[in-house]
Amino acid sequence: MEKAENHLHSRRHFLQHTASLAGIAIVSLTFMQDAEAAKLSKASVHYQPHLKGKPDCDDCAQYLAPAAGKRNATCKRVAGDINPHGWCELFEAKA
């Protein structure tokens, strides 16, 4: 009888933890989607993919260099891929 109760307890424990992990994953994905949706469009900030001269996006505090294995850079405030040599009106010099 005790063995059956332990088996039931461990199964219940496993199911509870699995449900918790699934909930965390769903919440994390929702926040990631909300963060991208909150970014501004390139048109609304007058983004220019190529700007002659300095300063440009890779000199901006909002610029996010491409992650390892990724080709395109991004911005903390502008949606989509960003050219490191572009510019927008949200430019903020790195400190």
Protein backbone atom coordinates (compact mmCIF):
# COMPACT_ATOMS: atom_id res chain seq x y z
CA MET A 1 0.00 0.00 0.00
CA GLU A 2 2.80 2.41 0.94
CA LYS A 3 4.57 1.76 -2.37
CA ALA A 4 1.39 2.62 -4.29
CA GLU A 5 1.04 5.91 -2.35
CA ASN A 6 4.67 6.86 -3.08
CA HIS A 7 4.15 6.13 -6.77
CA LEU A 8 0.99 8.25 -6.80
CA HIS A 9 2.74 11.05 -4.92
CA SER A 10 5.72 11.12 -7.30
CA ARG A 11 3.44 11.05 -10.34
CA ARG A 12 1.37 13.91 -8.92
CA HIS A 13 4.59 15.82 -8.13
CA PHE A 14 5.85 15.28 -11.68
CA LEU A 15 2.58 16.48 -13.23
CA GLN A 16 2.48 19.58 -11.03
CA HIS A 17 6.02 20.55 -11.95
CA THR A 18 5.40 19.89 -15.64
CA ALA A 19 2.32 22.12 -15.57
CA SER A 20 4.29 24.85 -13.76
CA LEU A 21 7.09 24.76 -16.33
CA ALA A 22 4.60 24.93 -19.20
CA GLY A 23 2.96 27.96 -17.59
CA ILE A 24 6.31 29.71 -17.21
CA ALA A 25 7.15 29.05 -20.85
CA ILE A 26 3.83 30.49 -22.04
CA VAL A 27 4.22 33.63 -19.90
CA SER A 28 7.80 34.14 -21.15
CA LEU A 29 6.73 33.89 -24.79
CA THR A 30 3.90 36.36 -24.19
CA PHE A 31 6.27 38.93 -22.67
CA MET A 32 8.72 38.52 -25.57
CA GLN A 33 5.94 39.11 -28.10
CA ASP A 34 4.67 42.14 -26.16
CA ALA A 35 8.17 43.64 -26.06
CA GLU A 36 8.53 43.39 -29.84
CA ALA A 37 5.02 44.78 -30.38
CA ALA A 38 5.88 47.78 -28.19
CA LYS A 39 8.75 48.80 -30.49
CA LEU A 40 8.26 51.66 -32.91
CA SER A 41 8.10 51.24 -36.67
CA LYS A 42 11.04 52.30 -38.81
CA ALA A 43 8.84 54.78 -40.67
CA SER A 44 7.67 56.47 -37.48
CA VAL A 45 11.27 57.25 -36.43
CA HIS A 46 12.46 58.13 -39.97
CA TYR A 47 14.92 55.24 -40.03
CA GLN A 48 17.46 55.40 -42.86
CA PRO A 49 19.30 52.13 -43.57
CA HIS A 50 22.34 53.91 -45.05
CA LEU A 51 23.63 57.21 -43.80
CA LYS A 52 26.72 58.92 -45.09
CA GLY A 53 28.96 59.90 -42.21
CA LYS A 54 28.64 59.54 -38.49
CA PRO A 55 26.96 59.01 -36.09
CA ASP A 56 25.18 55.82 -37.06
CA CYS A 57 23.25 53.01 -35.37
CA ASP A 58 26.24 51.12 -34.03
CA ASP A 59 27.23 54.31 -32.15
CA CYS A 60 23.80 54.47 -30.48
CA ALA A 61 23.00 53.34 -26.93
CA GLN A 62 19.86 51.59 -28.24
CA TYR A 63 21.77 49.44 -30.76
CA LEU A 64 21.96 45.68 -30.14
CA ALA A 65 24.76 43.94 -32.05
CA PRO A 66 23.87 40.64 -33.71
CA ALA A 67 23.80 37.71 -31.32
CA ALA A 68 26.27 34.88 -31.91
CA GLY A 69 25.28 33.04 -35.07
CA LYS A 70 22.87 35.79 -36.14
CA ARG A 71 23.42 38.03 -39.14
CA ASN A 72 21.23 41.03 -38.35
CA ALA A 73 21.46 43.63 -35.61
CA THR A 74 18.41 44.96 -33.77
CA CYS A 75 17.43 47.99 -31.72
CA LYS A 76 15.92 48.27 -28.26
CA ARG A 77 13.30 50.74 -29.52
CA VAL A 78 12.81 50.14 -33.27
CA ALA A 79 11.17 47.00 -34.69
CA GLY A 80 12.90 44.79 -37.22
CA ASP A 81 16.46 44.34 -38.41
CA ILE A 82 18.80 47.31 -38.15
CA ASN A 83 21.76 48.20 -40.35
CA PRO A 84 24.74 49.18 -38.17
CA HIS A 85 25.35 52.08 -40.56
CA GLY A 86 21.77 53.34 -40.48
CA TRP A 87 20.27 56.15 -38.42
CA CYS A 88 16.96 57.29 -36.92
CA GLU A 89 15.69 60.27 -34.93
CA LEU A 90 15.90 58.28 -31.68
CA PHE A 91 19.70 58.25 -31.88
CA GLU A 92 21.28 58.45 -28.43
CA ALA A 93 25.09 58.50 -28.23
CA LYS A 94 26.70 55.75 -26.18
CA ALA A 95 28.06 56.95 -22.87
